[in-house]
Amino acid sequence: MEEENWNEHAKGILKAELSRKNMKYHDLARKLNVIGIKENQNTIATKISRGAFSFTFFLQCMYVLGINKINLNIGENNE
């Protein structure tokens, strides 16, 4: 998988989890702020659109979304 595909995959996972929780970026920002992570809707939108966010940011998002398990689906599209 090329680097761009990894970024797209990471972005897709986070966006799918937000969608499952019926949450928008401003909702995520509010939840992150509650646990002391200073993010706003615009910085979150930029990070997610690039798909090049830190694993720490990803874990923080999963935590505030209440997600303990995810399916990475890695290897399903190997070429």
N, C-alpha and C. Protein backbone atom coordinates (compact mmCIF):
# COMPACT_ATOMS: atom_id res chain seq x y z
N MET A 1 0.86 -1.18 0.00
CA MET A 1 0.00 0.00 0.00
C MET A 1 0.90 1.24 0.00
N GLU A 2 0.68 2.14 -0.93
CA GLU A 2 1.46 3.37 -1.00
C GLU A 2 1.08 4.30 0.14
N GLU A 3 1.98 5.29 0.43
CA GLU A 3 1.73 6.22 1.54
C GLU A 3 0.39 6.92 1.42
N GLU A 4 0.05 7.37 0.24
CA GLU A 4 -1.23 8.05 0.05
C GLU A 4 -2.39 7.15 0.42
N ASN A 5 -2.30 5.89 0.06
CA ASN A 5 -3.36 4.94 0.40
C ASN A 5 -3.46 4.74 1.91
N TRP A 6 -2.33 4.73 2.61
CA TRP A 6 -2.37 4.61 4.08
C TRP A 6 -3.08 5.81 4.68
N ASN A 7 -2.79 7.00 4.18
CA ASN A 7 -3.46 8.20 4.68
C ASN A 7 -4.95 8.13 4.41
N GLU A 8 -5.33 7.70 3.22
CA GLU A 8 -6.74 7.56 2.88
C GLU A 8 -7.43 6.53 3.77
N HIS A 9 -6.72 5.46 4.05
CA HIS A 9 -7.26 4.41 4.90
C HIS A 9 -7.49 4.94 6.33
N ALA A 10 -6.51 5.66 6.85
CA ALA A 10 -6.64 6.23 8.20
C ALA A 10 -7.80 7.22 8.26
N LYS A 11 -7.88 8.07 7.25
CA LYS A 11 -8.98 9.04 7.18
C LYS A 11 -10.32 8.33 7.11
N GLY A 12 -10.40 7.31 6.30
CA GLY A 12 -11.65 6.57 6.14
C GLY A 12 -12.12 5.92 7.43
N ILE A 13 -11.19 5.36 8.19
CA ILE A 13 -11.56 4.73 9.47
C ILE A 13 -12.13 5.77 10.42
N LEU A 14 -11.44 6.89 10.57
CA LEU A 14 -11.90 7.91 11.51
C LEU A 14 -13.24 8.50 11.07
N LYS A 15 -13.37 8.80 9.79
CA LYS A 15 -14.63 9.35 9.30
C LYS A 15 -15.78 8.36 9.46
N ALA A 16 -15.51 7.07 9.25
CA ALA A 16 -16.56 6.06 9.41
C ALA A 16 -17.02 5.98 10.86
N GLU A 17 -16.08 6.06 11.79
CA GLU A 17 -16.44 5.99 13.21
C GLU A 17 -17.23 7.23 13.62
N LEU A 18 -16.86 8.38 13.11
CA LEU A 18 -17.63 9.60 13.39
C LEU A 18 -19.05 9.46 12.83
N SER A 19 -19.16 8.92 11.65
CA SER A 19 -20.46 8.74 11.02
C SER A 19 -21.33 7.76 11.82
N ARG A 20 -20.72 6.67 12.28
CA ARG A 20 -21.47 5.68 13.07
C ARG A 20 -22.03 6.31 14.35
N LYS A 21 -21.28 7.26 14.90
CA LYS A 21 -21.72 7.94 16.12
C LYS A 21 -22.58 9.17 15.81
N ASN A 22 -22.82 9.41 14.50
CA ASN A 22 -23.61 10.56 14.07
C ASN A 22 -23.02 11.87 14.62
N MET A 23 -21.70 11.99 14.52
CA MET A 23 -21.01 13.17 15.06
C MET A 23 -20.34 13.96 13.95
N LYS A 24 -20.31 15.25 14.14
CA LYS A 24 -19.63 16.18 13.24
C LYS A 24 -18.32 16.62 13.90
N TYR A 25 -17.50 17.33 13.12
CA TYR A 25 -16.20 17.76 13.64
C TYR A 25 -16.33 18.65 14.86
N HIS A 26 -17.34 19.51 14.91
CA HIS A 26 -17.49 20.38 16.08
C HIS A 26 -17.85 19.57 17.33
N ASP A 27 -18.58 18.46 17.15
CA ASP A 27 -18.88 17.57 18.28
C ASP A 27 -17.60 16.91 18.79
N LEU A 28 -16.78 16.46 17.86
CA LEU A 28 -15.51 15.84 18.23
C LEU A 28 -14.62 16.84 18.95
N ALA A 29 -14.56 18.07 18.46
CA ALA A 29 -13.74 19.11 19.10
C ALA A 29 -14.20 19.34 20.53
N ARG A 30 -15.49 19.40 20.72
CA ARG A 30 -16.04 19.63 22.07
C ARG A 30 -15.64 18.48 23.00
N LYS A 31 -15.77 17.25 22.53
CA LYS A 31 -15.42 16.10 23.37
C LYS A 31 -13.92 16.06 23.67
N LEU A 32 -13.10 16.40 22.69
CA LEU A 32 -11.65 16.44 22.92
C LEU A 32 -11.30 17.52 23.93
N ASN A 33 -11.95 18.67 23.83
CA ASN A 33 -11.69 19.76 24.77
C ASN A 33 -12.03 19.36 26.21
N VAL A 34 -13.06 18.55 26.37
CA VAL A 34 -13.45 18.11 27.71
C VAL A 34 -12.33 17.33 28.39
N ILE A 35 -11.55 16.56 27.60
CA ILE A 35 -10.47 15.79 28.20
C ILE A 35 -9.13 16.54 28.12
N GLY A 36 -9.18 17.84 27.80
CA GLY A 36 -7.98 18.66 27.82
C GLY A 36 -7.20 18.73 26.52
N ILE A 37 -7.76 18.21 25.44
CA ILE A 37 -7.10 18.26 24.13
C ILE A 37 -7.66 19.47 23.38
N LYS A 38 -6.83 20.46 23.20
CA LYS A 38 -7.28 21.72 22.59
C LYS A 38 -7.27 21.62 21.07
N GLU A 39 -8.41 21.30 20.53
CA GLU A 39 -8.62 21.22 19.08
C GLU A 39 -9.87 22.01 18.76
N ASN A 40 -9.95 22.51 17.54
CA ASN A 40 -11.19 23.15 17.10
C ASN A 40 -11.65 22.49 15.80
N GLN A 41 -12.84 22.82 15.40
CA GLN A 41 -13.45 22.19 14.24
C GLN A 41 -12.56 22.31 13.00
N ASN A 42 -11.96 23.47 12.80
CA ASN A 42 -11.15 23.69 11.60
C ASN A 42 -9.87 22.86 11.60
N THR A 43 -9.18 22.78 12.74
CA THR A 43 -7.95 21.99 12.78
C THR A 43 -8.26 20.50 12.63
N ILE A 44 -9.38 20.07 13.19
CA ILE A 44 -9.79 18.67 13.03
C ILE A 44 -10.11 18.38 11.57
N ALA A 45 -10.84 19.26 10.93
CA ALA A 45 -11.19 19.08 9.51
C ALA A 45 -9.94 18.98 8.65
N THR A 46 -8.95 19.83 8.94
CA THR A 46 -7.70 19.81 8.17
C THR A 46 -6.95 18.51 8.38
N LYS A 47 -6.81 18.08 9.64
CA LYS A 47 -6.11 16.83 9.94
C LYS A 47 -6.77 15.65 9.24
N ILE A 48 -8.08 15.58 9.35
CA ILE A 48 -8.79 14.43 8.79
C ILE A 48 -8.77 14.47 7.27
N SER A 49 -8.91 15.65 6.67
CA SER A 49 -8.90 15.71 5.20
C SER A 49 -7.55 15.29 4.64
N ARG A 50 -6.46 15.58 5.35
CA ARG A 50 -5.13 15.14 4.93
C ARG A 50 -4.94 13.65 5.18
N GLY A 51 -5.57 13.17 6.24
CA GLY A 51 -5.38 11.77 6.63
C GLY A 51 -4.01 11.54 7.25
N ALA A 52 -3.31 12.62 7.56
CA ALA A 52 -1.94 12.51 8.07
C ALA A 52 -1.87 13.01 9.52
N PHE A 53 -2.67 12.40 10.36
CA PHE A 53 -2.70 12.77 11.76
C PHE A 53 -1.90 11.74 12.56
N SER A 54 -1.53 12.14 13.78
CA SER A 54 -0.74 11.23 14.62
C SER A 54 -1.61 10.10 15.15
N PHE A 55 -0.94 9.03 15.50
CA PHE A 55 -1.65 7.92 16.12
C PHE A 55 -2.22 8.36 17.47
N THR A 56 -1.51 9.25 18.15
CA THR A 56 -2.01 9.80 19.41
C THR A 56 -3.35 10.49 19.19
N PHE A 57 -3.45 11.32 18.16
CA PHE A 57 -4.71 11.99 17.84
C PHE A 57 -5.80 10.96 17.55
N PHE A 58 -5.46 9.93 16.79
CA PHE A 58 -6.41 8.87 16.48
C PHE A 58 -6.92 8.20 17.76
N LEU A 59 -5.99 7.87 18.67
CA LEU A 59 -6.39 7.24 19.94
C LEU A 59 -7.27 8.17 20.77
N GLN A 60 -6.93 9.44 20.81
CA GLN A 60 -7.74 10.41 21.55
C GLN A 60 -9.16 10.46 20.98
N CYS A 61 -9.26 10.44 19.66
CA CYS A 61 -10.58 10.45 19.03
C CYS A 61 -11.37 9.19 19.37
N MET A 62 -10.71 8.04 19.28
CA MET A 62 -11.39 6.79 19.60
C MET A 62 -11.86 6.79 21.06
N TYR A 63 -11.04 7.33 21.94
CA TYR A 63 -11.38 7.39 23.36
C TYR A 63 -12.64 8.22 23.58
N VAL A 64 -12.66 9.44 23.04
CA VAL A 64 -13.83 10.30 23.28
C VAL A 64 -15.07 9.80 22.56
N LEU A 65 -14.88 9.02 21.50
CA LEU A 65 -16.02 8.42 20.81
C LEU A 65 -16.52 7.16 21.50
N GLY A 66 -15.76 6.69 22.48
CA GLY A 66 -16.15 5.49 23.22
C GLY A 66 -15.93 4.21 22.43
N ILE A 67 -14.94 4.22 21.56
CA ILE A 67 -14.66 3.06 20.70
C ILE A 67 -13.46 2.32 21.25
N ASN A 68 -13.66 1.06 21.58
CA ASN A 68 -12.59 0.23 22.13
C ASN A 68 -12.00 -0.73 21.11
N LYS A 69 -12.75 -1.03 20.06
CA LYS A 69 -12.28 -1.96 19.04
C LYS A 69 -12.62 -1.41 17.67
N ILE A 70 -11.68 -1.59 16.74
CA ILE A 70 -11.94 -1.21 15.35
C ILE A 70 -11.42 -2.31 14.45
N ASN A 71 -11.99 -2.41 13.29
CA ASN A 71 -11.52 -3.34 12.27
C ASN A 71 -10.72 -2.52 11.27
N LEU A 72 -9.43 -2.79 11.17
CA LEU A 72 -8.57 -2.02 10.29
C LEU A 72 -8.71 -2.40 8.82
N ASN A 73 -9.17 -3.60 8.55
CA ASN A 73 -9.35 -4.08 7.17
C ASN A 73 -8.05 -3.96 6.36
N ILE A 74 -6.92 -4.12 6.99
CA ILE A 74 -5.65 -4.06 6.29
C ILE A 74 -5.41 -5.37 5.57
N GLY A 75 -4.96 -5.27 4.34
CA GLY A 75 -4.65 -6.45 3.57
C GLY A 75 -5.78 -6.88 2.65
N GLU A 76 -6.94 -6.30 2.79
CA GLU A 76 -8.05 -6.69 1.94
C GLU A 76 -7.88 -6.22 0.50
N ASN A 77 -7.12 -5.14 0.33
CA ASN A 77 -6.95 -4.57 -1.01
C ASN A 77 -5.49 -4.65 -1.47
N ASN A 78 -4.76 -5.64 -0.99
CA ASN A 78 -3.37 -5.79 -1.42
C ASN A 78 -3.31 -6.06 -2.91
N GLU A 79 -2.35 -5.41 -3.55
CA GLU A 79 -2.20 -5.59 -5.00
C GLU A 79 -0.94 -6.34 -5.31
